[in-house]
Amino acid sequence: MVSKKYWLMKSEPSTFSINDLTRSPRQTTCWDGVRNYQARNFMRTMMVGDQVLFYHSNADPPAIVGIAEVVTTAYPDSTQFDKKDKHYDPDSKPFAPRWDMVDIKYVRAFPKPLALDNLRRDSTLKSMVLLKKGSRLSVQPVTSEEWKHILRLAEG
């Protein structure tokens, strides 16, 4: 049996917020537009049932705001082939797609966002990828211990 994995996915709330996810059909959306190889590779390892911390980046304050769940494994990101899309990649070909996406489903929002500054002050999370200097990945792994601690923080 494969164990569940945990992830953090970043989105600017002005582009797509956790509230937008709740209003999506079946509270589900594709996570498209990722154009970083390491983030893409993380998505390629995601399995149905993996849990996701939904993070609002470029927000005031930046914060973890809730939980989603992976509901599909990785498949080709259609935006890479759409010349009108800002994520169009002229070097990616349908017979050899370069970029993938997964679908995620809303699970719940936290009663109070977990602000980045507060997370930085928490010694239990000192090794979390999100808190590493220069970490800008939009999709990143979260350890089981970090996941459990963040849920405890979210529950107050």
Protein backbone atom coordinates (compact mmCIF):
# COMPACT_ATOMS: atom_id res chain seq x y z
CA MET A 1 0.00 0.00 0.00
CA VAL A 2 1.31 3.42 -0.97
CA SER A 3 1.19 5.96 1.83
CA LYS A 4 -0.54 9.28 1.38
CA LYS A 5 1.69 12.23 0.58
CA TYR A 6 1.28 15.86 1.51
CA TRP A 7 1.87 18.95 -0.59
CA LEU A 8 1.60 22.72 -0.57
CA MET A 9 0.31 24.54 -3.65
CA LYS A 10 0.59 28.30 -4.02
CA SER A 11 -1.83 30.58 -5.78
CA GLU A 12 -2.23 34.32 -5.76
CA PRO A 13 -5.75 34.95 -4.43
CA SER A 14 -6.30 37.60 -7.11
CA THR A 15 -5.73 34.85 -9.71
CA PHE A 16 -7.38 31.88 -7.99
CA SER A 17 -8.29 31.75 -4.30
CA ILE A 18 -9.59 29.00 -2.06
CA ASN A 19 -12.98 30.74 -2.34
CA ASP A 20 -12.77 30.36 -6.12
CA LEU A 21 -12.16 26.65 -5.56
CA THR A 22 -15.34 26.40 -3.46
CA ARG A 23 -17.30 28.00 -6.32
CA SER A 24 -15.80 25.74 -9.01
CA PRO A 25 -17.98 22.96 -10.46
CA ARG A 26 -17.93 20.09 -7.94
CA GLN A 27 -15.49 22.29 -5.93
CA THR A 28 -12.77 20.91 -8.21
CA THR A 29 -10.27 22.53 -10.56
CA CYS A 30 -7.25 21.68 -12.65
CA TRP A 31 -3.96 23.06 -11.36
CA ASP A 32 -2.61 24.37 -14.64
CA GLY A 33 0.06 26.83 -15.68
CA VAL A 34 2.94 25.38 -13.66
CA ARG A 35 6.09 26.20 -15.62
CA ASN A 36 8.86 25.03 -13.32
CA TYR A 37 10.36 21.59 -13.91
CA GLN A 38 10.79 20.72 -10.23
CA ALA A 39 7.19 21.72 -9.41
CA ARG A 40 5.98 19.77 -12.47
CA ASN A 41 7.94 16.72 -11.34
CA PHE A 42 6.32 16.92 -7.91
CA MET A 43 2.90 16.96 -9.58
CA ARG A 44 3.88 13.91 -11.63
CA THR A 45 4.38 11.96 -8.38
CA MET A 46 1.02 12.98 -6.88
CA MET A 47 -1.53 10.27 -6.31
CA VAL A 48 -5.30 10.45 -5.92
CA GLY A 49 -6.02 11.08 -2.23
CA ASP A 50 -2.84 13.04 -1.52
CA GLN A 51 -3.59 16.07 0.64
CA VAL A 52 -2.73 19.68 -0.26
CA LEU A 53 -2.22 22.80 1.82
CA PHE A 54 -3.73 25.67 -0.16
CA TYR A 55 -1.47 28.71 0.17
CA HIS A 56 -2.30 32.29 -0.79
CA SER A 57 0.92 33.89 -2.08
CA ASN A 58 1.32 37.57 -2.84
CA ALA A 59 -1.43 38.25 -0.29
CA ASP A 60 -1.62 40.42 2.81
CA PRO A 61 -0.50 38.40 4.63
CA PRO A 62 0.69 35.37 2.64
CA ALA A 63 -0.86 32.39 4.42
CA ILE A 64 -1.96 28.78 4.36
CA VAL A 65 -5.73 29.09 4.10
CA GLY A 66 -7.09 25.56 3.82
CA ILE A 67 -6.93 22.04 2.45
CA ALA A 68 -7.59 20.42 -0.90
CA GLU A 69 -7.21 16.86 -2.13
CA VAL A 70 -5.64 15.51 -5.31
CA VAL A 71 -8.40 13.86 -7.38
CA THR A 72 -6.49 12.97 -10.59
CA THR A 73 -2.96 11.96 -11.35
CA ALA A 74 -0.90 14.18 -13.65
CA TYR A 75 -1.99 14.65 -17.26
CA PRO A 76 -0.90 17.08 -20.01
CA ASP A 77 -1.64 20.74 -19.27
CA SER A 78 -3.77 21.96 -22.18
CA THR A 79 -2.68 25.59 -21.71
CA GLN A 80 0.77 24.75 -23.11
CA PHE A 81 -0.79 24.26 -26.57
CA ASP A 82 -3.14 27.27 -26.54
CA LYS A 83 -1.53 30.21 -28.36
CA LYS A 84 -3.97 32.61 -26.69
CA ASP A 85 -3.11 31.43 -23.15
CA LYS A 86 -0.43 33.19 -21.12
CA HIS A 87 1.03 29.75 -20.33
CA TYR A 88 1.47 28.81 -24.00
CA ASP A 89 4.76 27.02 -24.68
CA PRO A 90 5.69 26.97 -28.38
CA ASP A 91 8.35 24.32 -27.70
CA SER A 92 5.88 21.85 -26.22
CA LYS A 93 4.27 19.48 -28.70
CA PRO A 94 1.08 17.38 -28.29
CA PHE A 95 3.04 14.20 -29.05
CA ALA A 96 5.61 15.15 -26.36
CA PRO A 97 3.96 17.46 -23.80
CA ARG A 98 6.38 19.24 -21.51
CA TRP A 99 3.93 20.40 -18.81
CA ASP A 100 1.40 18.54 -16.69
CA MET A 101 -1.40 19.39 -14.30
CA VAL A 102 -3.48 17.60 -11.68
CA ASP A 103 -7.02 18.19 -10.47
CA ILE A 104 -7.67 19.17 -6.87
CA LYS A 105 -10.89 19.28 -4.86
CA TYR A 106 -11.77 21.58 -1.97
CA VAL A 107 -11.75 19.92 1.45
CA ARG A 108 -12.00 22.84 3.88
CA ALA A 109 -10.87 26.34 4.66
CA PHE A 110 -9.14 27.09 7.94
CA PRO A 111 -11.15 29.25 10.37
CA LYS A 112 -8.17 31.62 10.46
CA PRO A 113 -5.36 31.76 7.86
CA LEU A 114 -1.92 30.62 9.07
CA ALA A 115 0.24 33.63 8.23
CA LEU A 116 3.71 33.09 6.84
CA ASP A 117 5.34 35.28 9.52
CA ASN A 118 3.81 33.15 12.28
CA LEU A 119 4.91 29.94 10.56
CA ARG A 120 8.48 31.29 10.35
CA ARG A 121 8.51 31.72 14.14
CA ASP A 122 7.44 28.11 14.75
CA SER A 123 10.52 26.00 15.51
CA THR A 124 8.68 22.78 14.60
CA LEU A 125 8.45 24.00 11.00
CA LYS A 126 12.04 25.27 10.64
CA SER A 127 12.84 22.70 7.92
CA MET A 128 9.66 23.22 5.89
CA VAL A 129 10.37 23.92 2.20
CA LEU A 130 8.01 26.92 2.26
CA LEU A 131 10.15 28.59 4.92
CA LYS A 132 13.55 28.03 3.30
CA LYS A 133 15.32 31.14 2.05
CA GLY A 134 14.75 31.57 -1.68
CA SER A 135 12.00 28.94 -1.87
CA ARG A 136 9.64 30.02 -4.62
CA LEU A 137 8.23 26.71 -5.87
CA SER A 138 4.50 26.83 -6.50
CA VAL A 139 4.18 23.10 -5.73
CA GLN A 140 6.25 21.61 -2.93
CA PRO A 141 6.30 18.61 -0.61
CA VAL A 142 5.22 18.75 3.02
CA THR A 143 6.33 16.09 5.51
CA SER A 144 3.80 14.11 7.53
CA GLU A 145 5.08 15.78 10.71
CA GLU A 146 4.72 19.27 9.20
CA TRP A 147 1.21 18.38 7.97
CA LYS A 148 0.09 17.20 11.43
CA HIS A 149 1.57 20.27 13.11
CA ILE A 150 -0.10 22.66 10.67
CA LEU A 151 -3.46 20.97 11.27
CA ARG A 152 -2.95 21.42 15.02
CA LEU A 153 -2.17 25.11 14.46
CA ALA A 154 -5.24 25.51 12.25
CA GLU A 155 -7.47 23.97 14.90
CA GLY A 156 -6.15 26.46 17.44
